[in-house]
Amino acid sequence: MLSILKEKILSKQQLKSQLAIWRFQNKKIVFTNGCFDIIHAGHIDYLSKAGDLGDILLIGLNTDDSVRRLKGSNRPVNDENARALILSAMLFVDAVVLFDEDTPHELIKFVQPDILVKGSDYKPEDIVGADIVLAKGGEIKTIDFLEGYSTSGIIERIRK
C-alpha cells in the first residue's frame, strides 16, 4: 500500500508524462498549492471540495526550504517527505509535486491546470497563476475555510 501512495508523489519529469496522459483522457485538472504542515480538518474540507471541482486534484507542495522562507525558521513542523506522503494518502488527491520557489507561478505555468483553487481569503485577481489559467480559458475558484482551523492556530495553542 505504501508504494501506491509514493507513486502519487511525482517529480517534475514524472508529472510531465502524467499530464500528457490526463490530457489525452480529457481529464479536468484542478490545481492547488500550500505548505500543508500539520494536516487538520480544515485541510481535509478544503482539499475534498477542491477535488470535487474536476477529475484530477494535483497539489503543489512547498519544499522545506520554501516553507522556512515563507513561515520562519521554526517551520515546517513536518518535513516535505512526510507532508507529501500524508497528502498522497488522501483518496481525493491524485498527485503531489514539490516546488521550491516562494510561489507556485512557474509550476502553474508548467501544469496549465483547468481550474486553479485557493482559499477565499484570496481575491481571485490576487491569486498567483490566475493570469496563466485565465489566459488558457480556465477557471479560478475560491473555497471558504472551515472556521476555527489553521496550522498557525494549532501551533499557537500548543505553545500556551
N, C-alpha and C. Protein backbone atom coordinates (compact mmCIF):
# COMPACT_ATOMS: atom_id res chain seq x y z
N MET A 1 0.82 -1.20 0.00
CA MET A 1 0.00 0.00 0.00
C MET A 1 0.86 1.26 0.00
N LEU A 2 1.97 1.24 0.78
CA LEU A 2 2.85 2.40 0.84
C LEU A 2 3.42 2.75 -0.54
N SER A 3 3.72 1.74 -1.32
CA SER A 3 4.26 2.00 -2.66
C SER A 3 3.24 2.72 -3.54
N ILE A 4 1.97 2.42 -3.36
CA ILE A 4 0.91 3.09 -4.13
C ILE A 4 0.85 4.57 -3.77
N LEU A 5 0.99 4.86 -2.47
CA LEU A 5 0.97 6.26 -2.03
C LEU A 5 2.19 7.00 -2.58
N LYS A 6 3.34 6.39 -2.53
CA LYS A 6 4.57 7.04 -3.02
C LYS A 6 4.51 7.28 -4.52
N GLU A 7 3.77 6.46 -5.25
CA GLU A 7 3.62 6.66 -6.70
C GLU A 7 2.84 7.94 -7.02
N LYS A 8 2.10 8.45 -6.06
CA LYS A 8 1.34 9.68 -6.27
C LYS A 8 2.21 10.93 -6.07
N ILE A 9 3.41 10.75 -5.53
CA ILE A 9 4.35 11.85 -5.33
C ILE A 9 5.27 11.89 -6.54
N LEU A 10 5.09 12.90 -7.37
CA LEU A 10 5.74 12.94 -8.68
C LEU A 10 6.86 13.96 -8.75
N SER A 11 7.92 13.59 -9.47
CA SER A 11 8.94 14.56 -9.85
C SER A 11 8.34 15.39 -10.99
N LYS A 12 9.02 16.46 -11.34
CA LYS A 12 8.52 17.30 -12.44
C LYS A 12 8.50 16.50 -13.75
N GLN A 13 9.50 15.65 -13.96
CA GLN A 13 9.55 14.83 -15.18
C GLN A 13 8.40 13.82 -15.20
N GLN A 14 8.15 13.18 -14.07
CA GLN A 14 7.02 12.23 -13.97
C GLN A 14 5.70 12.97 -14.19
N LEU A 15 5.62 14.18 -13.63
CA LEU A 15 4.41 14.99 -13.79
C LEU A 15 4.16 15.31 -15.26
N LYS A 16 5.22 15.60 -15.98
CA LYS A 16 5.09 15.92 -17.41
C LYS A 16 4.42 14.76 -18.15
N SER A 17 4.87 13.54 -17.89
CA SER A 17 4.27 12.35 -18.52
C SER A 17 2.83 12.15 -18.08
N GLN A 18 2.59 12.33 -16.80
CA GLN A 18 1.24 12.12 -16.26
C GLN A 18 0.26 13.15 -16.80
N LEU A 19 0.71 14.39 -16.94
CA LEU A 19 -0.14 15.44 -17.52
C LEU A 19 -0.55 15.07 -18.94
N ALA A 20 0.38 14.52 -19.71
CA ALA A 20 0.07 14.11 -21.09
C ALA A 20 -1.02 13.04 -21.10
N ILE A 21 -0.92 12.10 -20.17
CA ILE A 21 -1.94 11.04 -20.07
C ILE A 21 -3.29 11.64 -19.70
N TRP A 22 -3.31 12.48 -18.66
CA TRP A 22 -4.57 13.09 -18.23
C TRP A 22 -5.19 13.93 -19.34
N ARG A 23 -4.37 14.66 -20.07
CA ARG A 23 -4.90 15.49 -21.16
C ARG A 23 -5.46 14.60 -22.28
N PHE A 24 -4.76 13.53 -22.60
CA PHE A 24 -5.24 12.59 -23.61
C PHE A 24 -6.59 12.00 -23.19
N GLN A 25 -6.76 11.75 -21.89
CA GLN A 25 -8.02 11.21 -21.35
C GLN A 25 -9.09 12.29 -21.16
N ASN A 26 -8.74 13.52 -21.53
CA ASN A 26 -9.66 14.66 -21.42
C ASN A 26 -10.11 14.90 -19.97
N LYS A 27 -9.20 14.74 -19.03
CA LYS A 27 -9.49 14.95 -17.62
C LYS A 27 -9.38 16.44 -17.29
N LYS A 28 -10.28 16.91 -16.44
CA LYS A 28 -10.24 18.29 -15.97
C LYS A 28 -9.30 18.33 -14.76
N ILE A 29 -8.20 19.08 -14.89
CA ILE A 29 -7.17 19.12 -13.86
C ILE A 29 -7.36 20.32 -12.95
N VAL A 30 -7.47 20.02 -11.66
CA VAL A 30 -7.61 21.04 -10.62
C VAL A 30 -6.27 21.14 -9.90
N PHE A 31 -5.79 22.36 -9.72
CA PHE A 31 -4.51 22.58 -9.04
C PHE A 31 -4.72 23.48 -7.83
N THR A 32 -4.10 23.09 -6.73
CA THR A 32 -3.99 23.98 -5.58
C THR A 32 -2.61 23.77 -4.99
N ASN A 33 -2.24 24.64 -4.10
CA ASN A 33 -0.90 24.54 -3.51
C ASN A 33 -0.92 25.00 -2.07
N GLY A 34 0.14 24.65 -1.37
CA GLY A 34 0.28 25.10 0.00
C GLY A 34 1.39 24.37 0.72
N CYS A 35 1.55 24.70 2.00
CA CYS A 35 2.56 24.07 2.86
C CYS A 35 2.01 22.80 3.50
N PHE A 36 0.74 22.81 3.87
CA PHE A 36 0.07 21.65 4.47
C PHE A 36 0.95 21.01 5.55
N ASP A 37 1.34 21.83 6.52
CA ASP A 37 2.32 21.42 7.51
C ASP A 37 1.76 20.46 8.55
N ILE A 38 0.72 20.86 9.23
CA ILE A 38 0.05 19.97 10.18
C ILE A 38 -1.36 19.78 9.64
N ILE A 39 -1.62 18.61 9.10
CA ILE A 39 -2.93 18.37 8.48
C ILE A 39 -4.02 18.39 9.54
N HIS A 40 -5.08 19.13 9.24
CA HIS A 40 -6.23 19.24 10.16
C HIS A 40 -7.52 19.19 9.35
N ALA A 41 -8.63 19.21 10.06
CA ALA A 41 -9.95 19.08 9.41
C ALA A 41 -10.17 20.17 8.35
N GLY A 42 -9.62 21.35 8.57
CA GLY A 42 -9.76 22.41 7.57
C GLY A 42 -9.11 22.04 6.25
N HIS A 43 -7.95 21.39 6.31
CA HIS A 43 -7.29 20.94 5.08
C HIS A 43 -8.13 19.88 4.37
N ILE A 44 -8.66 18.94 5.14
CA ILE A 44 -9.47 17.86 4.54
C ILE A 44 -10.69 18.46 3.85
N ASP A 45 -11.36 19.38 4.53
CA ASP A 45 -12.54 20.04 3.96
C ASP A 45 -12.18 20.78 2.67
N TYR A 46 -11.12 21.57 2.73
CA TYR A 46 -10.69 22.37 1.58
C TYR A 46 -10.29 21.49 0.39
N LEU A 47 -9.44 20.50 0.66
CA LEU A 47 -8.94 19.66 -0.44
C LEU A 47 -10.03 18.77 -1.03
N SER A 48 -10.93 18.28 -0.20
CA SER A 48 -12.01 17.44 -0.76
C SER A 48 -12.94 18.29 -1.63
N LYS A 49 -13.20 19.51 -1.23
CA LYS A 49 -14.02 20.41 -2.05
C LYS A 49 -13.30 20.77 -3.35
N ALA A 50 -11.99 20.99 -3.27
CA ALA A 50 -11.21 21.27 -4.48
C ALA A 50 -11.27 20.08 -5.43
N GLY A 51 -11.14 18.88 -4.87
CA GLY A 51 -11.20 17.67 -5.69
C GLY A 51 -12.52 17.49 -6.40
N ASP A 52 -13.60 17.98 -5.77
CA ASP A 52 -14.94 17.87 -6.37
C ASP A 52 -15.09 18.74 -7.62
N LEU A 53 -14.19 19.67 -7.85
CA LEU A 53 -14.32 20.62 -8.95
C LEU A 53 -13.86 20.06 -10.30
N GLY A 54 -13.19 18.92 -10.29
CA GLY A 54 -12.70 18.36 -11.54
C GLY A 54 -12.46 16.87 -11.43
N ASP A 55 -11.67 16.35 -12.36
CA ASP A 55 -11.38 14.91 -12.40
C ASP A 55 -10.09 14.55 -11.67
N ILE A 56 -9.13 15.47 -11.68
CA ILE A 56 -7.80 15.24 -11.12
C ILE A 56 -7.48 16.36 -10.15
N LEU A 57 -7.06 16.01 -8.93
CA LEU A 57 -6.59 17.02 -7.98
C LEU A 57 -5.08 16.87 -7.84
N LEU A 58 -4.38 17.91 -8.27
CA LEU A 58 -2.93 17.98 -8.20
C LEU A 58 -2.56 19.04 -7.17
N ILE A 59 -1.70 18.66 -6.23
CA ILE A 59 -1.27 19.59 -5.19
C ILE A 59 0.19 19.96 -5.39
N GLY A 60 0.45 21.25 -5.46
CA GLY A 60 1.80 21.77 -5.43
C GLY A 60 2.17 21.98 -3.97
N LEU A 61 3.21 21.30 -3.51
CA LEU A 61 3.59 21.33 -2.10
C LEU A 61 4.93 22.06 -1.94
N ASN A 62 4.94 23.09 -1.09
CA ASN A 62 6.17 23.82 -0.82
C ASN A 62 7.21 22.90 -0.19
N THR A 63 8.45 22.98 -0.69
CA THR A 63 9.55 22.24 -0.06
C THR A 63 9.82 22.82 1.33
N ASP A 64 10.64 22.14 2.10
CA ASP A 64 11.01 22.63 3.43
C ASP A 64 11.67 24.00 3.35
N ASP A 65 12.59 24.18 2.41
CA ASP A 65 13.27 25.48 2.27
C ASP A 65 12.27 26.58 1.94
N SER A 66 11.34 26.29 1.08
CA SER A 66 10.31 27.26 0.71
C SER A 66 9.44 27.62 1.91
N VAL A 67 9.05 26.62 2.70
CA VAL A 67 8.23 26.87 3.89
C VAL A 67 9.01 27.75 4.88
N ARG A 68 10.28 27.46 5.08
CA ARG A 68 11.09 28.27 6.02
C ARG A 68 11.14 29.73 5.58
N ARG A 69 11.31 29.94 4.28
CA ARG A 69 11.35 31.32 3.78
C ARG A 69 10.02 32.03 3.99
N LEU A 70 8.91 31.30 3.86
CA LEU A 70 7.58 31.90 3.99
C LEU A 70 7.10 32.02 5.44
N LYS A 71 7.41 31.01 6.26
CA LYS A 71 6.81 30.91 7.60
C LYS A 71 7.79 31.12 8.75
N GLY A 72 9.09 31.10 8.46
CA GLY A 72 10.08 31.30 9.51
C GLY A 72 10.90 30.04 9.77
N SER A 73 11.97 30.21 10.51
CA SER A 73 12.96 29.15 10.70
C SER A 73 12.44 27.97 11.52
N ASN A 74 11.37 28.15 12.28
CA ASN A 74 10.83 27.04 13.08
C ASN A 74 9.80 26.20 12.33
N ARG A 75 9.63 26.47 11.06
CA ARG A 75 8.70 25.71 10.24
C ARG A 75 9.46 25.12 9.06
N PRO A 76 9.02 24.05 8.48
CA PRO A 76 7.80 23.31 8.81
C PRO A 76 8.00 22.41 10.04
N VAL A 77 6.89 22.03 10.63
CA VAL A 77 6.91 21.08 11.74
C VAL A 77 7.21 19.69 11.17
N ASN A 78 6.55 19.35 10.07
CA ASN A 78 6.75 18.06 9.38
C ASN A 78 7.55 18.31 8.11
N ASP A 79 8.51 17.42 7.83
CA ASP A 79 9.34 17.63 6.64
C ASP A 79 8.54 17.35 5.36
N GLU A 80 9.12 17.75 4.23
CA GLU A 80 8.42 17.67 2.94
C GLU A 80 8.04 16.24 2.57
N ASN A 81 8.88 15.27 2.93
CA ASN A 81 8.54 13.88 2.60
C ASN A 81 7.32 13.41 3.39
N ALA A 82 7.26 13.76 4.67
CA ALA A 82 6.10 13.38 5.50
C ALA A 82 4.84 14.09 5.01
N ARG A 83 4.96 15.37 4.71
CA ARG A 83 3.79 16.13 4.24
C ARG A 83 3.28 15.58 2.91
N ALA A 84 4.19 15.25 2.00
CA ALA A 84 3.79 14.70 0.70
C ALA A 84 3.12 13.34 0.87
N LEU A 85 3.67 12.52 1.74
CA LEU A 85 3.09 11.19 1.97
C LEU A 85 1.69 11.29 2.57
N ILE A 86 1.52 12.18 3.54
CA ILE A 86 0.20 12.36 4.17
C ILE A 86 -0.82 12.81 3.12
N LEU A 87 -0.44 13.78 2.29
CA LEU A 87 -1.36 14.25 1.24
C LEU A 87 -1.68 13.13 0.25
N SER A 88 -0.67 12.34 -0.10
CA SER A 88 -0.90 11.27 -1.08
C SER A 88 -1.82 10.19 -0.54
N ALA A 89 -1.94 10.10 0.77
CA ALA A 89 -2.82 9.10 1.39
C ALA A 89 -4.30 9.47 1.28
N MET A 90 -4.58 10.70 0.92
CA MET A 90 -5.97 11.15 0.80
C MET A 90 -6.55 10.64 -0.51
N LEU A 91 -7.69 10.00 -0.44
CA LEU A 91 -8.26 9.36 -1.63
C LEU A 91 -8.64 10.35 -2.71
N PHE A 92 -8.89 11.59 -2.35
CA PHE A 92 -9.28 12.59 -3.36
C PHE A 92 -8.09 13.32 -3.95
N VAL A 93 -6.88 13.00 -3.51
CA VAL A 93 -5.65 13.59 -4.07
C VAL A 93 -5.07 12.62 -5.09
N ASP A 94 -4.89 13.11 -6.31
CA ASP A 94 -4.37 12.26 -7.38
C ASP A 94 -2.86 12.33 -7.50
N ALA A 95 -2.28 13.49 -7.19
CA ALA A 95 -0.83 13.63 -7.30
C ALA A 95 -0.35 14.81 -6.48
N VAL A 96 0.90 14.70 -6.03
CA VAL A 96 1.57 15.75 -5.26
C VAL A 96 2.91 16.00 -5.94
N VAL A 97 3.26 17.27 -6.12
CA VAL A 97 4.55 17.62 -6.68
C VAL A 97 5.14 18.75 -5.83
N LEU A 98 6.40 18.61 -5.49
CA LEU A 98 7.09 19.61 -4.67
C LEU A 98 7.58 20.76 -5.55
N PHE A 99 7.56 21.98 -4.96
CA PHE A 99 8.17 23.12 -5.64
C PHE A 99 8.95 23.93 -4.62
N ASP A 100 10.08 24.48 -5.05
CA ASP A 100 11.00 25.14 -4.13
C ASP A 100 10.90 26.66 -4.15
N GLU A 101 10.18 27.20 -5.11
CA GLU A 101 10.06 28.65 -5.21
C GLU A 101 9.13 29.17 -4.11
N ASP A 102 9.13 30.50 -3.93
CA ASP A 102 8.24 31.09 -2.92
C ASP A 102 6.78 31.08 -3.36
N THR A 103 6.56 31.07 -4.68
CA THR A 103 5.20 30.98 -5.20
C THR A 103 5.15 29.83 -6.22
N PRO A 104 3.95 29.34 -6.52
CA PRO A 104 3.83 28.25 -7.49
C PRO A 104 3.71 28.73 -8.93
N HIS A 105 4.07 29.97 -9.21
CA HIS A 105 3.85 30.54 -10.55
C HIS A 105 4.46 29.69 -11.66
N GLU A 106 5.71 29.31 -11.52
CA GLU A 106 6.38 28.51 -12.56
C GLU A 106 5.74 27.13 -12.68
N LEU A 107 5.35 26.54 -11.56
CA LEU A 107 4.70 25.23 -11.58
C LEU A 107 3.33 25.32 -12.27
N ILE A 108 2.60 26.37 -12.01
CA ILE A 108 1.29 26.56 -12.66
C ILE A 108 1.49 26.74 -14.16
N LYS A 109 2.51 27.49 -14.54
CA LYS A 109 2.81 27.67 -15.97
C LYS A 109 3.12 26.32 -16.61
N PHE A 110 3.83 25.45 -15.89
CA PHE A 110 4.19 24.12 -16.36
C PHE A 110 2.95 23.22 -16.46
N VAL A 111 2.10 23.25 -15.44
CA VAL A 111 0.93 22.36 -15.36
C VAL A 111 -0.19 22.80 -16.30
N GLN A 112 -0.43 24.11 -16.40
CA GLN A 112 -1.55 24.64 -17.18
C GLN A 112 -2.87 24.00 -16.74
N PRO A 113 -3.22 24.13 -15.45
CA PRO A 113 -4.45 23.48 -14.96
C PRO A 113 -5.70 24.10 -15.57
N ASP A 114 -6.77 23.32 -15.54
CA ASP A 114 -8.07 23.82 -16.00
C ASP A 114 -8.72 24.69 -14.93
N ILE A 115 -8.48 24.34 -13.68
CA ILE A 115 -9.06 25.08 -12.55
C ILE A 115 -7.96 25.30 -11.52
N LEU A 116 -7.83 26.54 -11.07
CA LEU A 116 -6.89 26.91 -10.02
C LEU A 116 -7.70 27.27 -8.79
N VAL A 117 -7.36 26.64 -7.65
CA VAL A 117 -8.14 26.80 -6.43
C VAL A 117 -7.27 27.36 -5.31
N LYS A 118 -7.82 28.31 -4.58
CA LYS A 118 -7.19 28.83 -3.36
C LYS A 118 -8.31 29.11 -2.35
N GLY A 119 -7.90 29.41 -1.14
CA GLY A 119 -8.86 29.75 -0.10
C GLY A 119 -9.52 31.08 -0.37
N SER A 120 -10.70 31.28 0.19
CA SER A 120 -11.46 32.50 -0.09
C SER A 120 -10.87 33.73 0.62
N ASP A 121 -9.77 33.56 1.34
CA ASP A 121 -9.08 34.73 1.88
C ASP A 121 -8.32 35.46 0.77
N TYR A 122 -8.25 34.84 -0.40
CA TYR A 122 -7.63 35.46 -1.58
C TYR A 122 -8.71 36.03 -2.48
N LYS A 123 -8.43 37.21 -3.07
CA LYS A 123 -9.28 37.72 -4.14
C LYS A 123 -8.82 37.01 -5.41
N PRO A 124 -9.74 36.58 -6.26
CA PRO A 124 -9.34 35.85 -7.48
C PRO A 124 -8.23 36.55 -8.27
N GLU A 125 -8.29 37.88 -8.36
CA GLU A 125 -7.28 38.60 -9.16
C GLU A 125 -5.91 38.63 -8.48
N ASP A 126 -5.84 38.30 -7.19
CA ASP A 126 -4.57 38.28 -6.46
C ASP A 126 -3.95 36.89 -6.37
N ILE A 127 -4.60 35.89 -6.91
CA ILE A 127 -4.10 34.52 -6.82
C ILE A 127 -2.96 34.32 -7.81
N VAL A 128 -1.82 33.87 -7.29
CA VAL A 128 -0.66 33.61 -8.15
C VAL A 128 -1.04 32.57 -9.20
N GLY A 129 -0.77 32.89 -10.44
CA GLY A 129 -1.05 31.98 -11.55
C GLY A 129 -2.42 32.17 -12.19
N ALA A 130 -3.24 33.04 -11.61
CA ALA A 130 -4.57 33.28 -12.18
C ALA A 130 -4.46 33.76 -13.63
N ASP A 131 -3.47 34.61 -13.90
CA ASP A 131 -3.28 35.12 -15.26
C ASP A 131 -3.04 33.98 -16.25
N ILE A 132 -2.26 33.00 -15.84
CA ILE A 132 -1.93 31.86 -16.70
C ILE A 132 -3.18 31.03 -17.01
N VAL A 133 -3.92 30.73 -15.96
CA VAL A 133 -5.11 29.87 -16.10
C VAL A 133 -6.20 30.58 -16.89
N LEU A 134 -6.43 31.84 -16.60
CA LEU A 134 -7.46 32.59 -17.33
C LEU A 134 -7.10 32.76 -18.80
N ALA A 135 -5.81 32.95 -19.09
CA ALA A 135 -5.36 33.13 -20.48
C ALA A 135 -5.64 31.89 -21.33
N LYS A 136 -5.67 30.72 -20.70
CA LYS A 136 -5.95 29.49 -21.46
C LYS A 136 -7.42 29.09 -21.38
N GLY A 137 -8.25 29.97 -20.82
CA GLY A 137 -9.68 29.70 -20.75
C GLY A 137 -10.10 28.89 -19.52
N GLY A 138 -9.20 28.78 -18.55
CA GLY A 138 -9.51 28.04 -17.32
C GLY A 138 -10.28 28.88 -16.32
N GLU A 139 -10.50 28.29 -15.16
CA GLU A 139 -11.30 28.94 -14.11
C GLU A 139 -10.49 29.12 -12.83
N ILE A 140 -10.85 30.17 -12.09
CA ILE A 140 -10.29 30.42 -10.77
C ILE A 140 -11.43 30.24 -9.78
N LYS A 141 -11.21 29.40 -8.77
CA LYS A 141 -12.23 29.14 -7.76
C LYS A 141 -11.64 29.39 -6.38
N THR A 142 -12.46 29.92 -5.49
CA THR A 142 -12.04 30.05 -4.09
C THR A 142 -12.99 29.23 -3.22
N ILE A 143 -12.42 28.71 -2.15
CA ILE A 143 -13.18 27.85 -1.23
C ILE A 143 -13.07 28.44 0.17
N ASP A 144 -14.21 28.56 0.84
CA ASP A 144 -14.22 29.05 2.21
C ASP A 144 -13.51 28.07 3.13
N PHE A 145 -12.75 28.62 4.08
CA PHE A 145 -12.08 27.78 5.06
C PHE A 145 -13.06 27.32 6.13
N LEU A 146 -12.80 26.17 6.68
CA LEU A 146 -13.57 25.65 7.80
C LEU A 146 -13.18 26.47 9.02
N GLU A 147 -14.17 27.11 9.63
CA GLU A 147 -13.94 28.01 10.76
C GLU A 147 -13.20 27.32 11.91
N GLY A 148 -12.20 28.00 12.45
CA GLY A 148 -11.52 27.51 13.65
C GLY A 148 -10.34 26.59 13.41
N TYR A 149 -9.94 26.40 12.16
CA TYR A 149 -8.82 25.50 11.87
C TYR A 149 -7.73 26.23 11.11
N SER A 150 -6.53 26.21 11.66
CA SER A 150 -5.35 26.70 10.96
C SER A 150 -4.12 26.10 11.62
N THR A 151 -3.10 25.84 10.82
CA THR A 151 -1.86 25.27 11.35
C THR A 151 -1.23 26.24 12.35
N SER A 152 -1.21 27.53 12.01
CA SER A 152 -0.63 28.52 12.93
C SER A 152 -1.39 28.55 14.24
N GLY A 153 -2.72 28.45 14.17
CA GLY A 153 -3.55 28.42 15.37
C GLY A 153 -3.25 27.20 16.24
N ILE A 154 -3.05 26.06 15.61
CA ILE A 154 -2.73 24.83 16.34
C ILE A 154 -1.38 24.99 17.04
N ILE A 155 -0.39 25.52 16.34
CA ILE A 155 0.94 25.72 16.92
C ILE A 155 0.86 26.70 18.09
N GLU A 156 0.09 27.75 17.92
CA GLU A 156 -0.08 28.76 18.99
C GLU A 156 -0.70 28.14 20.23
N ARG A 157 -1.71 27.30 20.06
CA ARG A 157 -2.37 26.65 21.22
C ARG A 157 -1.40 25.70 21.94
N ILE A 158 -0.55 25.03 21.19
CA ILE A 158 0.42 24.11 21.78
C ILE A 158 1.44 24.87 22.63
N ARG A 159 1.84 26.04 22.16
CA ARG A 159 2.86 26.83 22.85
C ARG A 159 2.35 27.43 24.15
N LYS A 160 1.04 27.57 24.30
CA LYS A 160 0.48 28.21 25.51
C LYS A 160 0.52 27.31 26.70
